[in-house]
Amino acid sequence: MDKIIKLQSHNEAHLLCGMHDANFRLIEKEYKVKLNLRGEHLKITGSLPNIKKATLLIEYILGSSRSGEDKIGTIDLSYLIANFKKPKKIGSLEIPEILPRAIYHKANLSDSYKRRIY
């Protein structure tokens, strides 16, 4: 089964792909779909339930891009995937409680504090 989403700009394509297609690979891995970008058309291939889940995430990312978000990082995408996998009421997003220690420390703490912890 396939679904095609039409993108509005090259910036949206760049945002979805991420650096070196890292965002694409993460979405493909988590939702067990295949993403193929040709021009302004994003083709999602996989089983119907997986396509629906991946489409919700992608449309959310595109919506935030169209409302002014500049970029999305791998950590941001991981948070979004974790939230979209949880059965929650519409419109509520949470930051996952557990972060990999290495990501948290590298991204948020000063060098002197890191040295004290390790």
C-alpha atoms as a PDB file:
ATOM      1  CA  MET A   1       0.000   0.000   0.000  1.00  0.00           C
ATOM      2  CA  ASP A   2       1.207   3.530  -0.782  1.00  0.00           C
ATOM      3  CA  LYS A   3       0.351   7.061   0.250  1.00  0.00           C
ATOM      4  CA  ILE A   4       1.671  10.201  -1.408  1.00  0.00           C
ATOM      5  CA  ILE A   5       2.016  13.510   0.419  1.00  0.00           C
ATOM      6  CA  LYS A   6       2.642  16.655  -1.624  1.00  0.00           C
ATOM      7  CA  LEU A   7       5.197  19.003  -0.089  1.00  0.00           C
ATOM      8  CA  GLN A   8       4.956  22.755  -0.537  1.00  0.00           C
ATOM      9  CA  SER A   9       8.644  23.632  -0.660  1.00  0.00           C
ATOM     10  CA  HIS A  10      12.195  22.388  -0.755  1.00  0.00           C
ATOM     11  CA  ASN A  11      12.584  23.489   2.881  1.00  0.00           C
ATOM     12  CA  GLU A  12       9.889  21.025   3.950  1.00  0.00           C
ATOM     13  CA  ALA A  13      11.723  18.231   2.147  1.00  0.00           C
ATOM     14  CA  HIS A  14      14.978  19.234   3.841  1.00  0.00           C
ATOM     15  CA  LEU A  15      13.268  19.348   7.242  1.00  0.00           C
ATOM     16  CA  LEU A  16      11.729  15.894   6.814  1.00  0.00           C
ATOM     17  CA  CYS A  17      14.908  14.260   5.518  1.00  0.00           C
ATOM     18  CA  GLY A  18      17.261  15.699   8.105  1.00  0.00           C
ATOM     19  CA  MET A  19      21.004  15.717   7.760  1.00  0.00           C
ATOM     20  CA  HIS A  20      22.162  12.739   5.673  1.00  0.00           C
ATOM     21  CA  ASP A  21      18.544  11.437   5.670  1.00  0.00           C
ATOM     22  CA  ALA A  22      18.754  10.683   9.408  1.00  0.00           C
ATOM     23  CA  ASN A  23      15.109  11.662  10.026  1.00  0.00           C
ATOM     24  CA  PHE A  24      13.923   9.471   7.154  1.00  0.00           C
ATOM     25  CA  ARG A  25      15.864   6.487   8.480  1.00  0.00           C
ATOM     26  CA  LEU A  26      14.481   6.966  11.992  1.00  0.00           C
ATOM     27  CA  ILE A  27      10.875   7.213  10.769  1.00  0.00           C
ATOM     28  CA  GLU A  28      11.366   4.169   8.525  1.00  0.00           C
ATOM     29  CA  LYS A  29      12.819   2.152  11.383  1.00  0.00           C
ATOM     30  CA  GLU A  30      10.217   3.106  13.987  1.00  0.00           C
ATOM     31  CA  TYR A  31       7.139   2.755  11.782  1.00  0.00           C
ATOM     32  CA  LYS A  32       8.371  -0.027   9.464  1.00  0.00           C
ATOM     33  CA  VAL A  33       7.635   1.955   6.313  1.00  0.00           C
ATOM     34  CA  LYS A  34       9.678   3.003   3.291  1.00  0.00           C
ATOM     35  CA  LEU A  35       9.919   6.717   2.490  1.00  0.00           C
ATOM     36  CA  ASN A  36      10.752   7.874  -1.023  1.00  0.00           C
ATOM     37  CA  LEU A  37      11.084  11.561  -1.911  1.00  0.00           C
ATOM     38  CA  ARG A  38      10.942  12.578  -5.569  1.00  0.00           C
ATOM     39  CA  GLY A  39      10.648  16.265  -6.259  1.00  0.00           C
ATOM     40  CA  GLU A  40       7.757  17.566  -4.186  1.00  0.00           C
ATOM     41  CA  HIS A  41       6.113  14.180  -3.616  1.00  0.00           C
ATOM     42  CA  LEU A  42       6.787  12.011  -0.564  1.00  0.00           C
ATOM     43  CA  LYS A  43       5.735   8.398  -1.060  1.00  0.00           C
ATOM     44  CA  ILE A  44       5.126   6.249   2.026  1.00  0.00           C
ATOM     45  CA  THR A  45       5.060   2.484   1.426  1.00  0.00           C
ATOM     46  CA  GLY A  46       4.150  -0.199   3.955  1.00  0.00           C
ATOM     47  CA  SER A  47       1.193  -1.774   5.710  1.00  0.00           C
ATOM     48  CA  LEU A  48      -1.933   0.365   6.120  1.00  0.00           C
ATOM     49  CA  PRO A  49      -1.712   0.801   9.945  1.00  0.00           C
ATOM     50  CA  ASN A  50       1.983   1.739   9.728  1.00  0.00           C
ATOM     51  CA  ILE A  51       1.339   4.183   6.892  1.00  0.00           C
ATOM     52  CA  LYS A  52      -1.396   5.871   8.935  1.00  0.00           C
ATOM     53  CA  LYS A  53       0.893   6.249  11.968  1.00  0.00           C
ATOM     54  CA  ALA A  54       3.806   7.571   9.913  1.00  0.00           C
ATOM     55  CA  THR A  55       1.473   9.946   8.034  1.00  0.00           C
ATOM     56  CA  LEU A  56       0.205  11.446  11.295  1.00  0.00           C
ATOM     57  CA  LEU A  57       3.767  12.148  12.409  1.00  0.00           C
ATOM     58  CA  ILE A  58       4.839  13.553   9.046  1.00  0.00           C
ATOM     59  CA  GLU A  59       1.770  15.791   8.787  1.00  0.00           C
ATOM     60  CA  TYR A  60       2.428  17.072  12.308  1.00  0.00           C
ATOM     61  CA  ILE A  61       6.028  17.916  11.358  1.00  0.00           C
ATOM     62  CA  LEU A  62       4.876  19.623   8.154  1.00  0.00           C
ATOM     63  CA  GLY A  63       2.219  21.573  10.064  1.00  0.00           C
ATOM     64  CA  SER A  64       4.762  22.862  12.551  1.00  0.00           C
ATOM     65  CA  SER A  65       7.107  23.736   9.681  1.00  0.00           C
ATOM     66  CA  ARG A  66       4.367  25.699   7.955  1.00  0.00           C
ATOM     67  CA  SER A  67       3.661  27.582  11.155  1.00  0.00           C
ATOM     68  CA  GLY A  68       7.251  28.763  11.527  1.00  0.00           C
ATOM     69  CA  GLU A  69       9.423  25.967  12.995  1.00  0.00           C
ATOM     70  CA  ASP A  70      12.862  26.186  11.418  1.00  0.00           C
ATOM     71  CA  LYS A  71      14.239  22.694  11.887  1.00  0.00           C
ATOM     72  CA  ILE A  72      13.820  19.456  13.762  1.00  0.00           C
ATOM     73  CA  GLY A  73      16.687  17.522  15.286  1.00  0.00           C
ATOM     74  CA  THR A  74      17.036  13.803  15.851  1.00  0.00           C
ATOM     75  CA  ILE A  75      16.258  14.191  19.556  1.00  0.00           C
ATOM     76  CA  ASP A  76      13.138  16.241  18.743  1.00  0.00           C
ATOM     77  CA  LEU A  77      12.032  13.575  16.287  1.00  0.00           C
ATOM     78  CA  SER A  78      12.607  10.860  18.893  1.00  0.00           C
ATOM     79  CA  TYR A  79      10.347  12.747  21.321  1.00  0.00           C
ATOM     80  CA  LEU A  80       7.666  13.099  18.674  1.00  0.00           C
ATOM     81  CA  ILE A  81       7.838   9.404  17.761  1.00  0.00           C
ATOM     82  CA  ALA A  82       7.576   8.414  21.420  1.00  0.00           C
ATOM     83  CA  ASN A  83       4.533  10.671  21.844  1.00  0.00           C
ATOM     84  CA  PHE A  84       2.823   9.492  18.691  1.00  0.00           C
ATOM     85  CA  LYS A  85       3.260   5.862  19.751  1.00  0.00           C
ATOM     86  CA  LYS A  86       1.442   6.448  23.052  1.00  0.00           C
ATOM     87  CA  PRO A  87      -2.347   6.229  22.919  1.00  0.00           C
ATOM     88  CA  LYS A  88      -3.260   9.729  24.126  1.00  0.00           C
ATOM     89  CA  LYS A  89      -5.968  12.224  23.509  1.00  0.00           C
ATOM     90  CA  ILE A  90      -5.438  14.515  20.547  1.00  0.00           C
ATOM     91  CA  GLY A  91      -3.311  17.584  21.091  1.00  0.00           C
ATOM     92  CA  SER A  92      -1.356  16.445  24.127  1.00  0.00           C
ATOM     93  CA  LEU A  93       2.373  15.910  23.794  1.00  0.00           C
ATOM     94  CA  GLU A  94       4.812  14.962  26.529  1.00  0.00           C
ATOM     95  CA  ILE A  95       8.548  14.752  26.743  1.00  0.00           C
ATOM     96  CA  PRO A  96       9.555  11.165  27.524  1.00  0.00           C
ATOM     97  CA  GLU A  97      10.711  10.755  31.100  1.00  0.00           C
ATOM     98  CA  ILE A  98      13.774   8.648  30.307  1.00  0.00           C
ATOM     99  CA  LEU A  99      16.552  10.104  28.169  1.00  0.00           C
ATOM    100  CA  PRO A 100      19.671   8.238  27.194  1.00  0.00           C
ATOM    101  CA  ARG A 101      22.299   9.526  29.627  1.00  0.00           C
ATOM    102  CA  ALA A 102      24.854  10.304  26.942  1.00  0.00           C
ATOM    103  CA  ILE A 103      22.430  12.417  24.906  1.00  0.00           C
ATOM    104  CA  TYR A 104      21.204  14.341  27.929  1.00  0.00           C
ATOM    105  CA  HIS A 105      24.651  15.117  29.229  1.00  0.00           C
ATOM    106  CA  LYS A 106      26.216  15.999  25.904  1.00  0.00           C
ATOM    107  CA  ALA A 107      23.353  18.244  24.885  1.00  0.00           C
ATOM    108  CA  ASN A 108      22.526  20.082  28.105  1.00  0.00           C
ATOM    109  CA  LEU A 109      25.342  20.174  30.609  1.00  0.00           C
ATOM    110  CA  SER A 110      28.493  22.218  30.858  1.00  0.00           C
ATOM    111  CA  ASP A 111      31.920  20.581  30.482  1.00  0.00           C
ATOM    112  CA  SER A 112      32.848  21.089  34.140  1.00  0.00           C
ATOM    113  CA  TYR A 113      29.625  19.455  35.310  1.00  0.00           C
ATOM    114  CA  LYS A 114      30.163  16.513  32.942  1.00  0.00           C
ATOM    115  CA  ARG A 115      33.653  15.933  34.354  1.00  0.00           C
ATOM    116  CA  ARG A 116      32.266  15.813  37.919  1.00  0.00           C
ATOM    117  CA  ILE A 117      29.639  13.222  36.996  1.00  0.00           C
ATOM    118  CA  TYR A 118      31.988  10.886  35.143  1.00  0.00           C
END
